[in-house]
Amino acid sequence: MVSTVTLAELRAGFAAEEVPTVWNPLLAHLLSSPDFRVEPVDADVAEAAGELRQSGRLALPDALIVATGRLRRAQCLVTQDLELRKVKIGISIKEPTEFLRSMSDR
């Protein structure tokens, strides 16, 4: 599953010239692949994220992503965010390479 907030954060990382060649195909894949489902921020996610943010340990985008994962029972959170890896969030955290290795071991 992919949070809509993750989509926003991914998109923000692309330069304008990369949008047609990299971002648009990536987005199309995430939206159409049976391996992914995009999860919106609903009222339950917003409330849970607010509680996480109130604790002061997470920025709001991270809190929204973590809350989505928790409420949708994600098995892990894949991130390169070193700060997020330092916080106990109640979900297993994996780096992208670690996640890919675990997928290939199946």
N, C-alpha and C. Protein backbone atom coordinates (compact mmCIF):
# COMPACT_ATOMS: atom_id res chain seq x y z
N MET A 1 0.83 -1.18 0.00
CA MET A 1 0.00 0.00 0.00
C MET A 1 0.87 1.23 0.00
N VAL A 2 0.35 2.27 -0.54
CA VAL A 2 1.07 3.54 -0.66
C VAL A 2 0.13 4.64 -0.17
N SER A 3 0.61 5.44 0.75
CA SER A 3 -0.18 6.57 1.23
C SER A 3 -0.21 7.67 0.17
N THR A 4 -1.32 8.38 0.10
CA THR A 4 -1.38 9.52 -0.81
C THR A 4 -0.33 10.57 -0.43
N VAL A 5 0.03 10.61 0.84
CA VAL A 5 1.08 11.54 1.29
C VAL A 5 2.43 11.11 0.70
N THR A 6 2.65 9.81 0.61
CA THR A 6 3.88 9.31 -0.01
C THR A 6 3.94 9.75 -1.47
N LEU A 7 2.81 9.68 -2.16
CA LEU A 7 2.80 10.15 -3.55
C LEU A 7 3.22 11.61 -3.63
N ALA A 8 2.70 12.43 -2.73
CA ALA A 8 3.05 13.85 -2.73
C ALA A 8 4.54 14.04 -2.45
N GLU A 9 5.08 13.29 -1.48
CA GLU A 9 6.49 13.43 -1.15
C GLU A 9 7.37 12.94 -2.30
N LEU A 10 6.98 11.84 -2.93
CA LEU A 10 7.75 11.36 -4.08
C LEU A 10 7.74 12.40 -5.19
N ARG A 11 6.56 12.92 -5.52
CA ARG A 11 6.45 13.91 -6.60
C ARG A 11 7.30 15.13 -6.34
N ALA A 12 7.36 15.56 -5.11
CA ALA A 12 8.15 16.75 -4.76
C ALA A 12 9.64 16.55 -5.02
N GLY A 13 10.08 15.31 -5.07
CA GLY A 13 11.49 15.03 -5.28
C GLY A 13 11.93 15.01 -6.73
N PHE A 14 11.01 15.17 -7.66
CA PHE A 14 11.36 15.12 -9.07
C PHE A 14 11.51 16.52 -9.66
N ALA A 15 12.56 16.71 -10.43
CA ALA A 15 12.74 17.96 -11.16
C ALA A 15 11.72 18.00 -12.30
N ALA A 16 11.39 19.19 -12.75
CA ALA A 16 10.37 19.36 -13.79
C ALA A 16 10.65 18.52 -15.02
N GLU A 17 11.91 18.43 -15.42
CA GLU A 17 12.24 17.67 -16.63
C GLU A 17 12.11 16.15 -16.43
N GLU A 18 12.07 15.71 -15.17
CA GLU A 18 11.91 14.28 -14.89
C GLU A 18 10.44 13.84 -14.83
N VAL A 19 9.54 14.79 -14.74
CA VAL A 19 8.12 14.46 -14.57
C VAL A 19 7.59 13.61 -15.72
N PRO A 20 7.78 14.01 -16.99
CA PRO A 20 7.20 13.19 -18.06
C PRO A 20 7.88 11.82 -18.23
N THR A 21 9.16 11.75 -17.96
CA THR A 21 9.89 10.51 -18.24
C THR A 21 10.03 9.56 -17.06
N VAL A 22 10.00 10.09 -15.84
CA VAL A 22 10.19 9.24 -14.67
C VAL A 22 8.96 9.25 -13.77
N TRP A 23 8.51 10.44 -13.36
CA TRP A 23 7.40 10.52 -12.42
C TRP A 23 6.10 9.97 -13.02
N ASN A 24 5.73 10.42 -14.20
CA ASN A 24 4.45 9.97 -14.77
C ASN A 24 4.39 8.45 -14.94
N PRO A 25 5.45 7.80 -15.47
CA PRO A 25 5.40 6.33 -15.53
C PRO A 25 5.35 5.67 -14.15
N LEU A 26 6.09 6.21 -13.18
CA LEU A 26 6.06 5.65 -11.83
C LEU A 26 4.66 5.76 -11.24
N LEU A 27 4.06 6.92 -11.35
CA LEU A 27 2.71 7.13 -10.82
C LEU A 27 1.72 6.19 -11.51
N ALA A 28 1.81 6.09 -12.82
CA ALA A 28 0.91 5.19 -13.56
C ALA A 28 1.06 3.75 -13.06
N HIS A 29 2.28 3.34 -12.81
CA HIS A 29 2.52 1.99 -12.31
C HIS A 29 1.90 1.79 -10.92
N LEU A 30 2.15 2.74 -10.03
CA LEU A 30 1.61 2.62 -8.67
C LEU A 30 0.08 2.58 -8.67
N LEU A 31 -0.53 3.33 -9.56
CA LEU A 31 -1.99 3.39 -9.61
C LEU A 31 -2.62 2.19 -10.29
N SER A 32 -1.88 1.53 -11.17
CA SER A 32 -2.48 0.44 -11.95
C SER A 32 -2.02 -0.96 -11.54
N SER A 33 -0.93 -1.06 -10.81
CA SER A 33 -0.38 -2.36 -10.46
C SER A 33 -1.23 -3.06 -9.39
N PRO A 34 -1.47 -4.35 -9.55
CA PRO A 34 -2.18 -5.08 -8.51
C PRO A 34 -1.33 -5.27 -7.25
N ASP A 35 -0.04 -4.94 -7.34
CA ASP A 35 0.85 -5.08 -6.19
C ASP A 35 0.77 -3.89 -5.23
N PHE A 36 0.11 -2.83 -5.64
CA PHE A 36 0.01 -1.63 -4.81
C PHE A 36 -1.44 -1.18 -4.74
N ARG A 37 -1.78 -0.57 -3.62
CA ARG A 37 -3.06 0.13 -3.53
C ARG A 37 -2.78 1.46 -2.85
N VAL A 38 -3.34 2.51 -3.38
CA VAL A 38 -3.14 3.84 -2.83
C VAL A 38 -4.21 4.08 -1.77
N GLU A 39 -3.75 4.44 -0.58
CA GLU A 39 -4.65 4.66 0.55
C GLU A 39 -4.76 6.16 0.84
N PRO A 40 -5.98 6.67 0.89
CA PRO A 40 -6.17 8.09 1.16
C PRO A 40 -6.03 8.43 2.64
N VAL A 41 -5.89 9.70 2.89
CA VAL A 41 -5.95 10.19 4.27
C VAL A 41 -7.41 10.46 4.56
N ASP A 42 -7.97 9.67 5.46
CA ASP A 42 -9.36 9.87 5.87
C ASP A 42 -9.36 10.41 7.29
N ALA A 43 -10.53 10.54 7.87
CA ALA A 43 -10.64 11.12 9.21
C ALA A 43 -9.92 10.28 10.26
N ASP A 44 -9.99 8.95 10.15
CA ASP A 44 -9.29 8.09 11.11
C ASP A 44 -7.78 8.26 11.02
N VAL A 45 -7.28 8.31 9.79
CA VAL A 45 -5.83 8.52 9.60
C VAL A 45 -5.43 9.88 10.13
N ALA A 46 -6.22 10.90 9.84
CA ALA A 46 -5.91 12.25 10.29
C ALA A 46 -5.85 12.33 11.82
N GLU A 47 -6.81 11.70 12.47
CA GLU A 47 -6.82 11.72 13.94
C GLU A 47 -5.60 10.99 14.51
N ALA A 48 -5.30 9.82 13.98
CA ALA A 48 -4.14 9.06 14.45
C ALA A 48 -2.85 9.82 14.18
N ALA A 49 -2.77 10.47 13.04
CA ALA A 49 -1.58 11.26 12.72
C ALA A 49 -1.45 12.46 13.65
N GLY A 50 -2.57 13.07 13.99
CA GLY A 50 -2.54 14.18 14.93
C GLY A 50 -2.00 13.76 16.28
N GLU A 51 -2.38 12.57 16.72
CA GLU A 51 -1.86 12.05 17.99
C GLU A 51 -0.34 11.82 17.90
N LEU A 52 0.10 11.25 16.78
CA LEU A 52 1.55 11.03 16.59
C LEU A 52 2.29 12.36 16.54
N ARG A 53 1.72 13.33 15.84
CA ARG A 53 2.36 14.65 15.71
C ARG A 53 2.41 15.35 17.05
N GLN A 54 1.36 15.20 17.84
CA GLN A 54 1.30 15.84 19.15
C GLN A 54 2.44 15.39 20.04
N SER A 55 2.86 14.15 19.87
CA SER A 55 3.95 13.63 20.68
C SER A 55 5.27 14.35 20.37
N GLY A 56 5.30 15.05 19.24
CA GLY A 56 6.48 15.84 18.89
C GLY A 56 7.60 15.04 18.25
N ARG A 57 7.36 13.75 18.02
CA ARG A 57 8.42 12.92 17.47
C ARG A 57 8.43 12.88 15.95
N LEU A 58 7.31 13.22 15.33
CA LEU A 58 7.20 13.11 13.88
C LEU A 58 6.69 14.39 13.25
N ALA A 59 7.21 14.70 12.09
CA ALA A 59 6.65 15.78 11.27
C ALA A 59 5.30 15.31 10.74
N LEU A 60 4.44 16.23 10.38
CA LEU A 60 3.09 15.86 9.95
C LEU A 60 3.08 14.89 8.77
N PRO A 61 3.86 15.10 7.69
CA PRO A 61 3.82 14.11 6.61
C PRO A 61 4.20 12.70 7.07
N ASP A 62 5.24 12.61 7.89
CA ASP A 62 5.64 11.30 8.41
C ASP A 62 4.55 10.70 9.29
N ALA A 63 3.92 11.53 10.12
CA ALA A 63 2.85 11.05 10.98
C ALA A 63 1.67 10.52 10.16
N LEU A 64 1.35 11.19 9.06
CA LEU A 64 0.27 10.73 8.19
C LEU A 64 0.61 9.39 7.54
N ILE A 65 1.85 9.24 7.10
CA ILE A 65 2.28 7.99 6.47
C ILE A 65 2.27 6.85 7.49
N VAL A 66 2.81 7.10 8.68
CA VAL A 66 2.84 6.07 9.72
C VAL A 66 1.43 5.70 10.15
N ALA A 67 0.57 6.68 10.34
CA ALA A 67 -0.81 6.41 10.75
C ALA A 67 -1.53 5.58 9.69
N THR A 68 -1.31 5.89 8.43
CA THR A 68 -1.92 5.11 7.35
C THR A 68 -1.45 3.66 7.43
N GLY A 69 -0.15 3.48 7.60
CA GLY A 69 0.40 2.13 7.70
C GLY A 69 -0.15 1.35 8.88
N ARG A 70 -0.23 2.01 10.01
CA ARG A 70 -0.76 1.34 11.21
C ARG A 70 -2.21 0.93 11.02
N LEU A 71 -3.03 1.88 10.58
CA LEU A 71 -4.47 1.61 10.47
C LEU A 71 -4.79 0.62 9.35
N ARG A 72 -3.97 0.59 8.32
CA ARG A 72 -4.20 -0.34 7.20
C ARG A 72 -3.41 -1.64 7.36
N ARG A 73 -2.79 -1.78 8.54
CA ARG A 73 -2.04 -2.98 8.91
C ARG A 73 -0.93 -3.34 7.92
N ALA A 74 -0.13 -2.34 7.58
CA ALA A 74 1.03 -2.59 6.72
C ALA A 74 2.03 -3.46 7.47
N GLN A 75 2.71 -4.33 6.74
CA GLN A 75 3.70 -5.19 7.37
C GLN A 75 4.98 -4.44 7.67
N CYS A 76 5.28 -3.43 6.86
CA CYS A 76 6.49 -2.63 7.11
C CYS A 76 6.35 -1.28 6.42
N LEU A 77 7.23 -0.39 6.78
CA LEU A 77 7.32 0.92 6.17
C LEU A 77 8.67 0.98 5.47
N VAL A 78 8.66 1.26 4.18
CA VAL A 78 9.90 1.34 3.42
C VAL A 78 10.26 2.82 3.30
N THR A 79 11.47 3.15 3.78
CA THR A 79 11.88 4.55 3.77
C THR A 79 13.40 4.67 3.77
N GLN A 80 13.86 5.78 3.25
CA GLN A 80 15.28 6.14 3.36
C GLN A 80 15.48 7.25 4.40
N ASP A 81 14.41 7.61 5.07
CA ASP A 81 14.43 8.69 6.06
C ASP A 81 15.15 8.20 7.32
N LEU A 82 16.36 8.66 7.51
CA LEU A 82 17.16 8.21 8.65
C LEU A 82 16.55 8.64 9.98
N GLU A 83 15.94 9.81 10.02
CA GLU A 83 15.31 10.28 11.25
C GLU A 83 14.12 9.42 11.63
N LEU A 84 13.34 9.04 10.66
CA LEU A 84 12.17 8.20 10.93
C LEU A 84 12.60 6.84 11.46
N ARG A 85 13.74 6.36 11.01
CA ARG A 85 14.23 5.06 11.47
C ARG A 85 14.61 5.08 12.96
N LYS A 86 14.84 6.28 13.51
CA LYS A 86 15.24 6.40 14.91
C LYS A 86 14.05 6.38 15.87
N VAL A 87 12.84 6.55 15.35
CA VAL A 87 11.64 6.67 16.18
C VAL A 87 10.90 5.33 16.20
N LYS A 88 10.49 4.91 17.39
CA LYS A 88 9.67 3.70 17.49
C LYS A 88 8.26 4.06 17.05
N ILE A 89 7.82 3.44 15.97
CA ILE A 89 6.52 3.81 15.40
C ILE A 89 5.52 2.66 15.40
N GLY A 90 5.92 1.49 15.84
CA GLY A 90 5.00 0.38 15.89
C GLY A 90 4.86 -0.38 14.59
N ILE A 91 5.70 -0.07 13.61
CA ILE A 91 5.74 -0.78 12.33
C ILE A 91 7.21 -1.05 12.02
N SER A 92 7.48 -2.22 11.50
CA SER A 92 8.84 -2.54 11.07
C SER A 92 9.27 -1.57 9.97
N ILE A 93 10.49 -1.06 10.07
CA ILE A 93 11.01 -0.14 9.06
C ILE A 93 12.12 -0.83 8.29
N LYS A 94 12.05 -0.71 6.96
CA LYS A 94 13.08 -1.29 6.10
C LYS A 94 13.56 -0.25 5.10
N GLU A 95 14.85 -0.32 4.79
CA GLU A 95 15.39 0.49 3.70
C GLU A 95 14.95 -0.16 2.39
N PRO A 96 14.89 0.59 1.30
CA PRO A 96 14.45 0.01 0.03
C PRO A 96 15.23 -1.25 -0.38
N THR A 97 16.56 -1.24 -0.24
CA THR A 97 17.33 -2.41 -0.64
C THR A 97 17.01 -3.62 0.25
N GLU A 98 16.82 -3.37 1.53
CA GLU A 98 16.46 -4.43 2.48
C GLU A 98 15.09 -5.01 2.11
N PHE A 99 14.16 -4.15 1.75
CA PHE A 99 12.83 -4.58 1.36
C PHE A 99 12.89 -5.43 0.09
N LEU A 100 13.64 -4.97 -0.89
CA LEU A 100 13.75 -5.73 -2.14
C LEU A 100 14.36 -7.11 -1.91
N ARG A 101 15.37 -7.18 -1.03
CA ARG A 101 15.96 -8.48 -0.69
C ARG A 101 14.92 -9.40 -0.07
N SER A 102 14.12 -8.86 0.86
CA SER A 102 13.12 -9.69 1.51
C SER A 102 12.05 -10.16 0.53
N MET A 103 11.75 -9.37 -0.47
CA MET A 103 10.77 -9.76 -1.49
C MET A 103 11.34 -10.88 -2.38
N SER A 104 12.61 -10.79 -2.69
CA SER A 104 13.21 -11.81 -3.56
C SER A 104 13.44 -13.12 -2.82
N ASP A 105 13.47 -13.10 -1.48
CA ASP A 105 13.63 -14.31 -0.69
C ASP A 105 12.35 -15.14 -0.61
N ARG A 106 11.24 -14.56 -1.03
CA ARG A 106 9.96 -15.26 -0.93
C ARG A 106 9.83 -16.32 -1.98
